[in-house]
Amino acid sequence: MAWVSSAIEFVNPSEDQKLFEGDITLTKVDALVLQGVVVENEGKQPVPGALVMVYARLKEGKEEPLCQTFSSKDGHYLLYVDKKKIPGDSTAIIIRANAGELSS
């Protein structure tokens, strides 16, 4: 079980305003939460803007895409996978990251 938060938007705060208050509502979801940091193989520096993809490996070796996101400026990523979308015959969950120029 995971919790997903709502968002609060503050529109045009005044220059002298120092305190912001708001309630964030959490919703319980049946999801797999995956988080981490994409780093370079050599030097272990964070990789911003990397495409992070999640796949389910099926028994026959095929892979089914589940979701994707991009890493933040400091290499962090956070993904929610709806457990209902994971096929019953899955043998593994795979996370891959791709960064840099893609060849055409």
Protein backbone atom coordinates (compact mmCIF):
# COMPACT_ATOMS: atom_id res chain seq x y z
CA MET A 1 0.00 0.00 0.00
CA ALA A 2 1.28 3.47 -0.84
CA TRP A 3 0.11 6.99 -0.16
CA VAL A 4 -0.15 9.62 -2.91
CA SER A 5 -0.41 13.28 -1.97
CA SER A 6 -2.41 16.07 -3.50
CA ALA A 7 -0.83 19.43 -4.28
CA ILE A 8 -1.19 22.94 -2.94
CA GLU A 9 -0.71 25.91 -5.24
CA PHE A 10 0.04 29.37 -3.88
CA VAL A 11 -0.82 32.06 -6.40
CA ASN A 12 0.96 35.44 -6.34
CA PRO A 13 2.08 35.60 -2.70
CA SER A 14 2.84 39.10 -1.44
CA GLU A 15 6.49 40.10 -1.06
CA ASP A 16 6.25 40.43 2.71
CA GLN A 17 4.42 37.11 3.21
CA LYS A 18 6.64 34.74 5.21
CA LEU A 19 4.19 32.02 6.21
CA PHE A 20 2.20 29.73 3.94
CA GLU A 21 -0.38 27.31 5.26
CA GLY A 22 -2.27 24.57 3.51
CA ASP A 23 -3.58 21.06 4.02
CA ILE A 24 -2.29 18.17 1.92
CA THR A 25 -4.60 15.21 1.51
CA LEU A 26 -3.10 11.74 1.24
CA THR A 27 -4.88 9.03 -0.72
CA LYS A 28 -4.15 5.35 -0.10
CA VAL A 29 -3.45 3.47 -3.36
CA ASP A 30 -2.56 -0.14 -4.09
CA ALA A 31 0.74 0.66 -5.77
CA LEU A 32 4.36 -0.36 -5.85
CA VAL A 33 6.55 2.68 -5.12
CA LEU A 34 10.01 2.71 -6.69
CA GLN A 35 12.56 5.40 -5.91
CA GLY A 36 16.25 5.89 -6.37
CA VAL A 37 19.01 7.93 -8.00
CA VAL A 38 20.40 7.56 -11.52
CA VAL A 39 24.21 7.87 -11.39
CA GLU A 40 27.01 7.59 -13.94
CA ASN A 41 28.81 4.25 -14.06
CA GLU A 42 32.17 5.96 -13.63
CA GLY A 43 32.42 8.75 -11.10
CA LYS A 44 28.96 8.02 -9.66
CA GLN A 45 27.74 11.55 -10.48
CA PRO A 46 23.93 12.04 -10.61
CA VAL A 47 22.36 12.05 -14.08
CA PRO A 48 19.63 14.67 -14.59
CA GLY A 49 16.91 14.11 -17.19
CA ALA A 50 17.49 10.36 -17.59
CA LEU A 51 14.51 8.38 -18.86
CA VAL A 52 13.67 5.79 -16.16
CA MET A 53 11.49 2.89 -17.34
CA VAL A 54 9.83 0.03 -15.45
CA TYR A 55 9.04 -3.31 -17.06
CA ALA A 56 7.49 -6.59 -15.94
CA ARG A 57 9.38 -9.68 -17.13
CA LEU A 58 6.94 -12.42 -18.10
CA LYS A 59 7.57 -16.18 -17.78
CA GLU A 60 8.41 -16.56 -21.47
CA GLY A 61 11.11 -13.87 -21.16
CA LYS A 62 9.18 -11.05 -22.82
CA GLU A 63 9.00 -7.67 -21.10
CA GLU A 64 5.90 -5.52 -20.72
CA PRO A 65 6.32 -1.78 -20.06
CA LEU A 66 4.56 -0.54 -16.92
CA CYS A 67 5.50 3.15 -16.50
CA GLN A 68 8.22 5.74 -16.98
CA THR A 69 9.51 9.07 -15.69
CA PHE A 70 12.54 11.36 -15.92
CA SER A 71 15.17 11.84 -13.22
CA SER A 72 15.33 15.23 -11.51
CA LYS A 73 18.25 17.67 -11.70
CA ASP A 74 19.94 15.73 -8.89
CA GLY A 75 19.28 12.32 -10.49
CA HIS A 76 16.38 11.27 -8.23
CA TYR A 77 13.32 9.46 -9.56
CA LEU A 78 10.04 8.32 -8.02
CA LEU A 79 7.59 5.96 -9.72
CA TYR A 80 4.21 4.51 -8.80
CA VAL A 81 3.21 1.23 -10.45
CA ASP A 82 -0.43 0.21 -10.10
CA LYS A 83 -0.23 -3.38 -8.82
CA LYS A 84 -3.30 -4.29 -10.89
CA LYS A 85 -1.29 -3.55 -14.07
CA ILE A 86 1.45 -6.05 -13.20
CA PRO A 87 0.69 -9.29 -15.11
CA GLY A 88 0.09 -12.36 -12.93
CA ASP A 89 2.75 -14.37 -14.74
CA SER A 90 5.51 -11.80 -14.03
CA THR A 91 8.80 -13.20 -12.81
CA ALA A 92 10.61 -9.88 -12.16
CA ILE A 93 10.25 -6.10 -12.12
CA ILE A 94 13.00 -4.39 -14.12
CA ILE A 95 14.08 -0.73 -13.92
CA ARG A 96 16.21 0.73 -16.71
CA ALA A 97 17.56 4.22 -17.27
CA ASN A 98 18.66 5.81 -20.52
CA ALA A 99 20.37 9.19 -20.80
CA GLY A 100 22.17 11.19 -23.44
CA GLU A 101 21.59 11.51 -27.14
CA LEU A 102 19.47 8.86 -28.80
CA SER A 103 20.56 7.70 -32.24
CA SER A 104 17.96 7.88 -35.01
